[in-house]
Amino acid sequence: KLNQDAILIIDALDECDNEHGGRDELLNALQGQQSSSPRLRILATGRP
């Protein structure tokens, strides 16, 4: 809405608890925004 660029860092995605699907929800939200918003850049780290 504000045509604002931003950077977000998400570290250690593998340490996000996925017992109730939280990590999956986060990954789905990030994947969904990939095509919709060039405004937000995300540096994410994790184990493979």
All heavy atoms as atom14 arrays in JSON, in Angstrom:
{
  "sequence": "KLNQDAILIIDALDECDNEHGGRDELLNALQGQQSSSPRLRILATGRP",
  "atom14_mask": [
    [1, 1, 1, 1, 1, 1, 1, 1, 1, 0, 0, 0, 0, 0],
    [1, 1, 1, 1, 1, 1, 1, 1, 0, 0, 0, 0, 0, 0],
    [1, 1, 1, 1, 1, 1, 1, 1, 0, 0, 0, 0, 0, 0],
    [1, 1, 1, 1, 1, 1, 1, 1, 1, 0, 0, 0, 0, 0],
    [1, 1, 1, 1, 1, 1, 1, 1, 0, 0, 0, 0, 0, 0],
    [1, 1, 1, 1, 1, 0, 0, 0, 0, 0, 0, 0, 0, 0],
    [1, 1, 1, 1, 1, 1, 1, 1, 0, 0, 0, 0, 0, 0],
    [1, 1, 1, 1, 1, 1, 1, 1, 0, 0, 0, 0, 0, 0],
    [1, 1, 1, 1, 1, 1, 1, 1, 0, 0, 0, 0, 0, 0],
    [1, 1, 1, 1, 1, 1, 1, 1, 0, 0, 0, 0, 0, 0],
    [1, 1, 1, 1, 1, 1, 1, 1, 0, 0, 0, 0, 0, 0],
    [1, 1, 1, 1, 1, 0, 0, 0, 0, 0, 0, 0, 0, 0],
    [1, 1, 1, 1, 1, 1, 1, 1, 0, 0, 0, 0, 0, 0],
    [1, 1, 1, 1, 1, 1, 1, 1, 0, 0, 0, 0, 0, 0],
    [1, 1, 1, 1, 1, 1, 1, 1, 1, 0, 0, 0, 0, 0],
    [1, 1, 1, 1, 1, 1, 0, 0, 0, 0, 0, 0, 0, 0],
    [1, 1, 1, 1, 1, 1, 1, 1, 0, 0, 0, 0, 0, 0],
    [1, 1, 1, 1, 1, 1, 1, 1, 0, 0, 0, 0, 0, 0],
    [1, 1, 1, 1, 1, 1, 1, 1, 1, 0, 0, 0, 0, 0],
    [1, 1, 1, 1, 1, 1, 1, 1, 1, 1, 0, 0, 0, 0],
    [1, 1, 1, 1, 0, 0, 0, 0, 0, 0, 0, 0, 0, 0],
    [1, 1, 1, 1, 0, 0, 0, 0, 0, 0, 0, 0, 0, 0],
    [1, 1, 1, 1, 1, 1, 1, 1, 1, 1, 1, 0, 0, 0],
    [1, 1, 1, 1, 1, 1, 1, 1, 0, 0, 0, 0, 0, 0],
    [1, 1, 1, 1, 1, 1, 1, 1, 1, 0, 0, 0, 0, 0],
    [1, 1, 1, 1, 1, 1, 1, 1, 0, 0, 0, 0, 0, 0],
    [1, 1, 1, 1, 1, 1, 1, 1, 0, 0, 0, 0, 0, 0],
    [1, 1, 1, 1, 1, 1, 1, 1, 0, 0, 0, 0, 0, 0],
    [1, 1, 1, 1, 1, 0, 0, 0, 0, 0, 0, 0, 0, 0],
    [1, 1, 1, 1, 1, 1, 1, 1, 0, 0, 0, 0, 0, 0],
    [1, 1, 1, 1, 1, 1, 1, 1, 1, 0, 0, 0, 0, 0],
    [1, 1, 1, 1, 0, 0, 0, 0, 0, 0, 0, 0, 0, 0],
    [1, 1, 1, 1, 1, 1, 1, 1, 1, 0, 0, 0, 0, 0],
    [1, 1, 1, 1, 1, 1, 1, 1, 1, 0, 0, 0, 0, 0],
    [1, 1, 1, 1, 1, 1, 0, 0, 0, 0, 0, 0, 0, 0],
    [1, 1, 1, 1, 1, 1, 0, 0, 0, 0, 0, 0, 0, 0],
    [1, 1, 1, 1, 1, 1, 0, 0, 0, 0, 0, 0, 0, 0],
    [1, 1, 1, 1, 1, 1, 1, 0, 0, 0, 0, 0, 0, 0],
    [1, 1, 1, 1, 1, 1, 1, 1, 1, 1, 1, 0, 0, 0],
    [1, 1, 1, 1, 1, 1, 1, 1, 0, 0, 0, 0, 0, 0],
    [1, 1, 1, 1, 1, 1, 1, 1, 1, 1, 1, 0, 0, 0],
    [1, 1, 1, 1, 1, 1, 1, 1, 0, 0, 0, 0, 0, 0],
    [1, 1, 1, 1, 1, 1, 1, 1, 0, 0, 0, 0, 0, 0],
    [1, 1, 1, 1, 1, 0, 0, 0, 0, 0, 0, 0, 0, 0],
    [1, 1, 1, 1, 1, 1, 1, 0, 0, 0, 0, 0, 0, 0],
    [1, 1, 1, 1, 0, 0, 0, 0, 0, 0, 0, 0, 0, 0],
    [1, 1, 1, 1, 1, 1, 1, 1, 1, 1, 1, 0, 0, 0],
    [1, 1, 1, 1, 1, 1, 1, 0, 0, 0, 0, 0, 0, 0]
  ],
  "atom14_positions": [
    [[0.82, -1.21, 0.0], [0.0, 0.0, 0.0], [0.86, 1.26, 0.0], [0.53, 2.26, -0.65], [-0.94, -0.01, 1.2], [-1.96, 1.1, 1.16], [-3.07, 0.86, 2.14], [-4.16, 1.9, 1.88], [-5.42, 1.51, 2.41], [0.0, 0.0, 0.0], [0.0, 0.0, 0.0], [0.0, 0.0, 0.0], [0.0, 0.0, 0.0], [0.0, 0.0, 0.0]],
    [[1.97, 1.23, 0.72], [2.84, 2.4, 0.81], [3.99, 2.36, -0.21], [4.84, 3.25, -0.2], [3.41, 2.51, 2.23], [2.39, 2.77, 3.33], [3.07, 2.76, 4.69], [1.66, 4.08, 3.1], [0.0, 0.0, 0.0], [0.0, 0.0, 0.0], [0.0, 0.0, 0.0], [0.0, 0.0, 0.0], [0.0, 0.0, 0.0], [0.0, 0.0, 0.0]],
    [[4.0, 1.32, -1.05], [5.05, 1.17, -2.05], [6.43, 1.23, -1.39], [7.35, 1.89, -1.85], [4.92, 2.25, -3.14], [5.62, 1.84, -4.42], [5.72, 0.66, -4.73], [6.11, 2.82, -5.14], [0.0, 0.0, 0.0], [0.0, 0.0, 0.0], [0.0, 0.0, 0.0], [0.0, 0.0, 0.0], [0.0, 0.0, 0.0], [0.0, 0.0, 0.0]],
    [[6.55, 0.52, -0.26], [7.75, 0.55, 0.59], [8.54, -0.75, 0.44], [7.98, -1.83, 0.5], [7.31, 0.71, 2.05], [8.41, 0.63, 3.06], [9.3, 1.85, 3.01], [8.82, 2.97, 3.13], [10.59, 1.65, 2.83], [0.0, 0.0, 0.0], [0.0, 0.0, 0.0], [0.0, 0.0, 0.0], [0.0, 0.0, 0.0], [0.0, 0.0, 0.0]],
    [[9.85, -0.63, 0.24], [10.73, -1.8, 0.22], [11.19, -2.09, 1.64], [11.36, -1.17, 2.45], [11.95, -1.54, -0.66], [11.59, -1.44, -2.13], [10.62, -2.07, -2.55], [12.3, -0.71, -2.85], [0.0, 0.0, 0.0], [0.0, 0.0, 0.0], [0.0, 0.0, 0.0], [0.0, 0.0, 0.0], [0.0, 0.0, 0.0], [0.0, 0.0, 0.0]],
    [[11.4, -3.36, 1.94], [11.84, -3.75, 3.28], [12.61, -5.07, 3.21], [12.41, -5.87, 2.3], [10.64, -3.9, 4.21], [0.0, 0.0, 0.0], [0.0, 0.0, 0.0], [0.0, 0.0, 0.0], [0.0, 0.0, 0.0], [0.0, 0.0, 0.0], [0.0, 0.0, 0.0], [0.0, 0.0, 0.0], [0.0, 0.0, 0.0], [0.0, 0.0, 0.0]],
    [[13.45, -5.28, 4.21], [14.16, -6.55, 4.36], [13.77, -7.16, 5.7], [13.72, -6.48, 6.72], [15.69, -6.34, 4.28], [16.09, -5.85, 2.9], [16.42, -7.64, 4.63], [17.59, -5.56, 2.74], [0.0, 0.0, 0.0], [0.0, 0.0, 0.0], [0.0, 0.0, 0.0], [0.0, 0.0, 0.0], [0.0, 0.0, 0.0], [0.0, 0.0, 0.0]],
    [[13.53, -8.47, 5.65], [13.2, -9.28, 6.83], [14.2, -10.43, 6.88], [14.44, -11.08, 5.86], [11.77, -9.81, 6.73], [11.34, -10.93, 7.67], [11.38, -10.49, 9.13], [9.96, -11.43, 7.29], [0.0, 0.0, 0.0], [0.0, 0.0, 0.0], [0.0, 0.0, 0.0], [0.0, 0.0, 0.0], [0.0, 0.0, 0.0], [0.0, 0.0, 0.0]],
    [[14.76, -10.68, 8.05], [15.64, -11.83, 8.24], [14.91, -12.84, 9.11], [14.39, -12.5, 10.18], [16.96, -11.42, 8.92], [17.77, -10.51, 7.99], [17.78, -12.67, 9.29], [19.04, -9.96, 8.62], [0.0, 0.0, 0.0], [0.0, 0.0, 0.0], [0.0, 0.0, 0.0], [0.0, 0.0, 0.0], [0.0, 0.0, 0.0], [0.0, 0.0, 0.0]],
    [[14.88, -14.08, 8.64], [14.33, -15.19, 9.42], [15.44, -16.22, 9.55], [15.84, -16.84, 8.56], [13.09, -15.82, 8.74], [12.03, -14.76, 8.45], [12.54, -16.94, 9.63], [10.87, -15.27, 7.6], [0.0, 0.0, 0.0], [0.0, 0.0, 0.0], [0.0, 0.0, 0.0], [0.0, 0.0, 0.0], [0.0, 0.0, 0.0], [0.0, 0.0, 0.0]],
    [[15.94, -16.39, 10.76], [17.06, -17.29, 11.0], [16.58, -18.59, 11.61], [15.68, -18.6, 12.45], [18.08, -16.62, 11.93], [19.29, -17.5, 12.15], [19.98, -17.82, 11.16], [19.54, -17.89, 13.31], [0.0, 0.0, 0.0], [0.0, 0.0, 0.0], [0.0, 0.0, 0.0], [0.0, 0.0, 0.0], [0.0, 0.0, 0.0], [0.0, 0.0, 0.0]],
    [[17.19, -19.68, 11.19], [16.99, -21.02, 11.76], [15.56, -21.52, 11.56], [14.9, -21.94, 12.52], [17.4, -21.05, 13.23], [0.0, 0.0, 0.0], [0.0, 0.0, 0.0], [0.0, 0.0, 0.0], [0.0, 0.0, 0.0], [0.0, 0.0, 0.0], [0.0, 0.0, 0.0], [0.0, 0.0, 0.0], [0.0, 0.0, 0.0], [0.0, 0.0, 0.0]],
    [[15.1, -21.52, 10.33], [13.76, -22.05, 10.03], [13.59, -23.48, 10.55], [12.5, -23.85, 10.97], [13.52, -22.04, 8.51], [13.18, -20.71, 7.89], [13.25, -20.81, 6.37], [11.8, -20.27, 8.33], [0.0, 0.0, 0.0], [0.0, 0.0, 0.0], [0.0, 0.0, 0.0], [0.0, 0.0, 0.0], [0.0, 0.0, 0.0], [0.0, 0.0, 0.0]],
    [[14.66, -24.25, 10.54], [14.6, -25.63, 11.01], [14.32, -25.73, 12.51], [13.91, -26.78, 12.99], [15.9, -26.36, 10.68], [17.11, -25.63, 11.22], [17.42, -24.54, 10.7], [17.75, -26.14, 12.17], [0.0, 0.0, 0.0], [0.0, 0.0, 0.0], [0.0, 0.0, 0.0], [0.0, 0.0, 0.0], [0.0, 0.0, 0.0], [0.0, 0.0, 0.0]],
    [[14.53, -24.64, 13.25], [14.28, -24.65, 14.69], [12.88, -24.18, 15.05], [12.51, -24.13, 16.22], [15.36, -23.84, 15.42], [16.72, -24.49, 15.26], [17.77, -23.96, 16.21], [17.41, -23.42, 17.27], [18.96, -24.1, 15.88], [0.0, 0.0, 0.0], [0.0, 0.0, 0.0], [0.0, 0.0, 0.0], [0.0, 0.0, 0.0], [0.0, 0.0, 0.0]],
    [[12.11, -23.84, 14.04], [10.7, -23.5, 14.26], [9.93, -24.79, 14.47], [9.99, -25.7, 13.64], [10.17, -22.76, 13.03], [8.4, -22.45, 13.07], [0.0, 0.0, 0.0], [0.0, 0.0, 0.0], [0.0, 0.0, 0.0], [0.0, 0.0, 0.0], [0.0, 0.0, 0.0], [0.0, 0.0, 0.0], [0.0, 0.0, 0.0], [0.0, 0.0, 0.0]],
    [[9.24, -24.89, 15.58], [8.49, -26.1, 15.92], [7.44, -26.39, 14.87], [6.67, -25.52, 14.48], [7.83, -25.91, 17.29], [7.11, -27.15, 17.76], [7.45, -28.25, 17.3], [6.21, -27.01, 18.61], [0.0, 0.0, 0.0], [0.0, 0.0, 0.0], [0.0, 0.0, 0.0], [0.0, 0.0, 0.0], [0.0, 0.0, 0.0], [0.0, 0.0, 0.0]],
    [[7.4, -27.62, 14.41], [6.42, -27.99, 13.4], [5.44, -29.04, 13.9], [4.73, -29.66, 13.12], [7.13, -28.49, 12.13], [6.27, -28.36, 10.9], [5.49, -27.42, 10.78], [6.39, -29.32, 9.99], [0.0, 0.0, 0.0], [0.0, 0.0, 0.0], [0.0, 0.0, 0.0], [0.0, 0.0, 0.0], [0.0, 0.0, 0.0], [0.0, 0.0, 0.0]],
    [[5.39, -29.21, 15.22], [4.5, -30.22, 15.79], [3.05, -29.98, 15.4], [2.29, -30.91, 15.13], [4.62, -30.23, 17.32], [3.8, -31.32, 17.97], [4.01, -31.37, 19.48], [5.1, -30.98, 19.95], [3.08, -31.8, 20.17], [0.0, 0.0, 0.0], [0.0, 0.0, 0.0], [0.0, 0.0, 0.0], [0.0, 0.0, 0.0], [0.0, 0.0, 0.0]],
    [[2.65, -28.71, 15.33], [1.28, -28.37, 14.95], [1.23, -27.69, 13.58], [0.29, -26.96, 13.27], [0.63, -27.48, 16.01], [0.59, -28.12, 17.37], [-0.21, -29.19, 17.67], [1.31, -27.86, 18.49], [0.0, -29.56, 18.93], [0.92, -28.77, 19.44], [0.0, 0.0, 0.0], [0.0, 0.0, 0.0], [0.0, 0.0, 0.0], [0.0, 0.0, 0.0]],
    [[2.28, -27.89, 12.78], [2.31, -27.36, 11.43], [2.75, -25.92, 11.29], [2.6, -25.33, 10.23], [0.0, 0.0, 0.0], [0.0, 0.0, 0.0], [0.0, 0.0, 0.0], [0.0, 0.0, 0.0], [0.0, 0.0, 0.0], [0.0, 0.0, 0.0], [0.0, 0.0, 0.0], [0.0, 0.0, 0.0], [0.0, 0.0, 0.0], [0.0, 0.0, 0.0]],
    [[3.32, -25.32, 12.34], [3.73, -23.92, 12.31], [4.77, -23.62, 11.24], [4.65, -22.64, 10.5], [0.0, 0.0, 0.0], [0.0, 0.0, 0.0], [0.0, 0.0, 0.0], [0.0, 0.0, 0.0], [0.0, 0.0, 0.0], [0.0, 0.0, 0.0], [0.0, 0.0, 0.0], [0.0, 0.0, 0.0], [0.0, 0.0, 0.0], [0.0, 0.0, 0.0]],
    [[5.79, -24.46, 11.14], [6.83, -24.22, 10.13], [6.24, -24.34, 8.73], [6.55, -23.54, 7.85], [7.99, -25.2, 10.29], [9.11, -24.92, 9.3], [10.27, -25.9, 9.36], [10.55, -26.39, 10.68], [10.75, -27.69, 10.96], [10.71, -28.6, 10.03], [11.01, -28.07, 12.19], [0.0, 0.0, 0.0], [0.0, 0.0, 0.0], [0.0, 0.0, 0.0]],
    [[5.37, -25.32, 8.54], [4.73, -25.48, 7.23], [3.9, -24.25, 6.88], [3.92, -23.79, 5.73], [3.84, -26.73, 7.21], [4.65, -28.02, 7.29], [5.87, -27.99, 6.98], [4.06, -29.04, 7.68], [0.0, 0.0, 0.0], [0.0, 0.0, 0.0], [0.0, 0.0, 0.0], [0.0, 0.0, 0.0], [0.0, 0.0, 0.0], [0.0, 0.0, 0.0]],
    [[3.18, -23.7, 7.87], [2.39, -22.49, 7.63], [3.29, -21.32, 7.24], [2.97, -20.57, 6.32], [1.6, -22.1, 8.89], [0.4, -22.96, 9.16], [-0.36, -22.5, 10.39], [0.29, -22.25, 11.43], [-1.58, -22.35, 10.29], [0.0, 0.0, 0.0], [0.0, 0.0, 0.0], [0.0, 0.0, 0.0], [0.0, 0.0, 0.0], [0.0, 0.0, 0.0]],
    [[4.41, -21.18, 7.94], [5.34, -20.1, 7.62], [5.9, -20.27, 6.22], [5.92, -19.31, 5.43], [6.47, -20.05, 8.65], [7.6, -19.06, 8.38], [7.07, -17.63, 8.27], [8.66, -19.15, 9.45], [0.0, 0.0, 0.0], [0.0, 0.0, 0.0], [0.0, 0.0, 0.0], [0.0, 0.0, 0.0], [0.0, 0.0, 0.0], [0.0, 0.0, 0.0]],
    [[6.36, -21.47, 5.88], [6.91, -21.71, 4.55], [5.87, -21.47, 3.46], [6.19, -20.9, 2.41], [7.49, -23.12, 4.46], [8.73, -23.37, 5.32], [9.12, -24.84, 5.3], [9.89, -22.5, 4.88], [0.0, 0.0, 0.0], [0.0, 0.0, 0.0], [0.0, 0.0, 0.0], [0.0, 0.0, 0.0], [0.0, 0.0, 0.0], [0.0, 0.0, 0.0]],
    [[4.63, -21.88, 3.7], [3.56, -21.62, 2.73], [3.31, -20.13, 2.56], [3.09, -19.65, 1.45], [2.27, -22.34, 3.12], [2.35, -23.84, 2.91], [3.13, -24.32, 2.08], [1.57, -24.59, 3.66], [0.0, 0.0, 0.0], [0.0, 0.0, 0.0], [0.0, 0.0, 0.0], [0.0, 0.0, 0.0], [0.0, 0.0, 0.0], [0.0, 0.0, 0.0]],
    [[3.32, -19.39, 3.66], [3.11, -17.94, 3.59], [4.25, -17.27, 2.83], [4.02, -16.37, 2.01], [2.98, -17.35, 4.99], [0.0, 0.0, 0.0], [0.0, 0.0, 0.0], [0.0, 0.0, 0.0], [0.0, 0.0, 0.0], [0.0, 0.0, 0.0], [0.0, 0.0, 0.0], [0.0, 0.0, 0.0], [0.0, 0.0, 0.0], [0.0, 0.0, 0.0]],
    [[5.48, -17.71, 3.08], [6.63, -17.14, 2.38], [6.58, -17.48, 0.89], [6.84, -16.63, 0.04], [7.94, -17.65, 2.99], [8.21, -17.26, 4.43], [9.53, -17.86, 4.9], [8.2, -15.76, 4.61], [0.0, 0.0, 0.0], [0.0, 0.0, 0.0], [0.0, 0.0, 0.0], [0.0, 0.0, 0.0], [0.0, 0.0, 0.0], [0.0, 0.0, 0.0]],
    [[6.24, -18.72, 0.59], [6.14, -19.13, -0.81], [5.03, -18.35, -1.51], [5.19, -17.92, -2.65], [5.87, -20.62, -0.91], [5.81, -21.11, -2.34], [5.55, -22.59, -2.43], [5.15, -23.23, -1.46], [5.77, -23.16, -3.59], [0.0, 0.0, 0.0], [0.0, 0.0, 0.0], [0.0, 0.0, 0.0], [0.0, 0.0, 0.0], [0.0, 0.0, 0.0]],
    [[3.92, -18.12, -0.83], [2.81, -17.38, -1.4], [3.17, -15.94, -1.69], [2.7, -15.36, -2.67], [0.0, 0.0, 0.0], [0.0, 0.0, 0.0], [0.0, 0.0, 0.0], [0.0, 0.0, 0.0], [0.0, 0.0, 0.0], [0.0, 0.0, 0.0], [0.0, 0.0, 0.0], [0.0, 0.0, 0.0], [0.0, 0.0, 0.0], [0.0, 0.0, 0.0]],
    [[4.0, -15.34, -0.88], [4.37, -13.94, -1.1], [5.44, -13.8, -2.16], [5.64, -12.72, -2.68], [4.77, -13.26, 0.21], [6.18, -13.48, 0.68], [7.19, -12.53, 0.06], [6.89, -11.41, -0.3], [8.4, -13.0, -0.1], [0.0, 0.0, 0.0], [0.0, 0.0, 0.0], [0.0, 0.0, 0.0], [0.0, 0.0, 0.0], [0.0, 0.0, 0.0]],
    [[6.11, -14.87, -2.53], [7.19, -14.79, -3.52], [6.74, -14.1, -4.8], [7.44, -13.27, -5.34], [7.69, -16.18, -3.89], [8.82, -16.64, -3.03], [9.47, -17.87, -3.61], [8.81, -18.78, -4.08], [10.78, -17.9, -3.57], [0.0, 0.0, 0.0], [0.0, 0.0, 0.0], [0.0, 0.0, 0.0], [0.0, 0.0, 0.0], [0.0, 0.0, 0.0]],
    [[5.58, -14.44, -5.27], [5.13, -13.87, -6.53], [4.32, -12.6, -6.34], [4.17, -11.81, -7.24], [4.3, -14.9, -7.29], [3.19, -15.28, -6.5], [0.0, 0.0, 0.0], [0.0, 0.0, 0.0], [0.0, 0.0, 0.0], [0.0, 0.0, 0.0], [0.0, 0.0, 0.0], [0.0, 0.0, 0.0], [0.0, 0.0, 0.0], [0.0, 0.0, 0.0]],
    [[3.79, -12.4, -5.14], [2.87, -11.28, -4.95], [3.55, -9.98, -4.53], [3.02, -8.92, -4.77], [1.81, -11.65, -3.9], [2.41, -11.76, -2.63], [0.0, 0.0, 0.0], [0.0, 0.0, 0.0], [0.0, 0.0, 0.0], [0.0, 0.0, 0.0], [0.0, 0.0, 0.0], [0.0, 0.0, 0.0], [0.0, 0.0, 0.0], [0.0, 0.0, 0.0]],
    [[4.7, -10.04, -3.87], [5.26, -8.81, -3.34], [6.77, -8.69, -3.55], [7.54, -9.26, -2.79], [4.97, -8.7, -1.84], [5.56, -7.53, -1.34], [0.0, 0.0, 0.0], [0.0, 0.0, 0.0], [0.0, 0.0, 0.0], [0.0, 0.0, 0.0], [0.0, 0.0, 0.0], [0.0, 0.0, 0.0], [0.0, 0.0, 0.0], [0.0, 0.0, 0.0]],
    [[7.15, -7.92, -4.56], [8.58, -7.66, -4.69], [9.07, -6.64, -3.66], [10.24, -6.35, -3.56], [8.7, -7.09, -6.11], [7.37, -6.5, -6.39], [6.37, -7.32, -5.62], [0.0, 0.0, 0.0], [0.0, 0.0, 0.0], [0.0, 0.0, 0.0], [0.0, 0.0, 0.0], [0.0, 0.0, 0.0], [0.0, 0.0, 0.0], [0.0, 0.0, 0.0]],
    [[8.17, -6.08, -2.86], [8.51, -5.09, -1.85], [9.31, -5.69, -0.71], [10.17, -5.04, -0.15], [7.23, -4.46, -1.27], [6.42, -3.72, -2.25], [6.96, -2.32, -2.32], [6.87, -1.85, -3.67], [7.85, -1.23, -4.32], [8.99, -1.01, -3.76], [7.69, -0.82, -5.54], [0.0, 0.0, 0.0], [0.0, 0.0, 0.0], [0.0, 0.0, 0.0]],
    [[9.01, -6.93, -0.35], [9.65, -7.56, 0.81], [10.72, -8.52, 0.34], [10.45, -9.44, -0.43], [8.62, -8.3, 1.66], [9.16, -9.0, 2.9], [9.79, -8.01, 3.87], [8.05, -9.79, 3.58], [0.0, 0.0, 0.0], [0.0, 0.0, 0.0], [0.0, 0.0, 0.0], [0.0, 0.0, 0.0], [0.0, 0.0, 0.0], [0.0, 0.0, 0.0]],
    [[11.94, -8.31, 0.84], [13.03, -9.25, 0.61], [13.26, -10.0, 1.91], [13.32, -9.38, 2.98], [14.32, -8.52, 0.23], [14.24, -7.67, -1.01], [14.48, -8.52, -2.25], [14.39, -7.72, -3.43], [15.44, -7.29, -4.13], [16.65, -7.58, -3.75], [15.27, -6.57, -5.21], [0.0, 0.0, 0.0], [0.0, 0.0, 0.0], [0.0, 0.0, 0.0]],
    [[13.41, -11.31, 1.82], [13.58, -12.14, 3.0], [14.87, -12.95, 2.88], [15.03, -13.71, 1.94], [12.39, -13.1, 3.2], [11.09, -12.31, 3.35], [12.62, -14.0, 4.41], [9.84, -13.16, 3.29], [0.0, 0.0, 0.0], [0.0, 0.0, 0.0], [0.0, 0.0, 0.0], [0.0, 0.0, 0.0], [0.0, 0.0, 0.0], [0.0, 0.0, 0.0]],
    [[15.76, -12.75, 3.84], [16.93, -13.62, 3.99], [16.53, -14.66, 5.02], [16.23, -14.31, 6.17], [18.14, -12.82, 4.48], [19.35, -13.68, 4.92], [19.87, -14.54, 3.79], [20.45, -12.79, 5.5], [0.0, 0.0, 0.0], [0.0, 0.0, 0.0], [0.0, 0.0, 0.0], [0.0, 0.0, 0.0], [0.0, 0.0, 0.0], [0.0, 0.0, 0.0]],
    [[16.48, -15.91, 4.61], [16.1, -17.0, 5.51], [17.22, -18.01, 5.57], [17.86, -18.31, 4.57], [14.81, -17.66, 5.03], [0.0, 0.0, 0.0], [0.0, 0.0, 0.0], [0.0, 0.0, 0.0], [0.0, 0.0, 0.0], [0.0, 0.0, 0.0], [0.0, 0.0, 0.0], [0.0, 0.0, 0.0], [0.0, 0.0, 0.0], [0.0, 0.0, 0.0]],
    [[17.46, -18.53, 6.78], [18.5, -19.56, 6.96], [17.88, -20.79, 7.58], [16.83, -20.73, 8.23], [19.65, -19.06, 7.87], [19.18, -19.0, 9.21], [20.18, -17.72, 7.42], [0.0, 0.0, 0.0], [0.0, 0.0, 0.0], [0.0, 0.0, 0.0], [0.0, 0.0, 0.0], [0.0, 0.0, 0.0], [0.0, 0.0, 0.0], [0.0, 0.0, 0.0]],
    [[18.56, -21.92, 7.39], [18.1, -23.16, 7.98], [18.97, -24.32, 7.56], [19.85, -24.2, 6.72], [0.0, 0.0, 0.0], [0.0, 0.0, 0.0], [0.0, 0.0, 0.0], [0.0, 0.0, 0.0], [0.0, 0.0, 0.0], [0.0, 0.0, 0.0], [0.0, 0.0, 0.0], [0.0, 0.0, 0.0], [0.0, 0.0, 0.0], [0.0, 0.0, 0.0]],
    [[18.69, -25.45, 8.16], [19.37, -26.69, 7.76], [18.6, -27.28, 6.57], [17.39, -27.11, 6.48], [19.37, -27.68, 8.92], [20.18, -27.2, 10.1], [20.13, -28.19, 11.23], [20.69, -27.58, 12.42], [20.46, -28.01, 13.65], [19.69, -29.06, 13.86], [20.99, -27.38, 14.67], [0.0, 0.0, 0.0], [0.0, 0.0, 0.0], [0.0, 0.0, 0.0]],
    [[19.27, -27.99, 5.72], [18.61, -28.55, 4.53], [17.77, -29.79, 4.85], [18.03, -30.87, 4.36], [19.77, -28.87, 3.6], [20.93, -29.12, 4.51], [20.71, -28.24, 5.71], [0.0, 0.0, 0.0], [0.0, 0.0, 0.0], [0.0, 0.0, 0.0], [0.0, 0.0, 0.0], [0.0, 0.0, 0.0], [0.0, 0.0, 0.0], [0.0, 0.0, 0.0]]
  ]
}
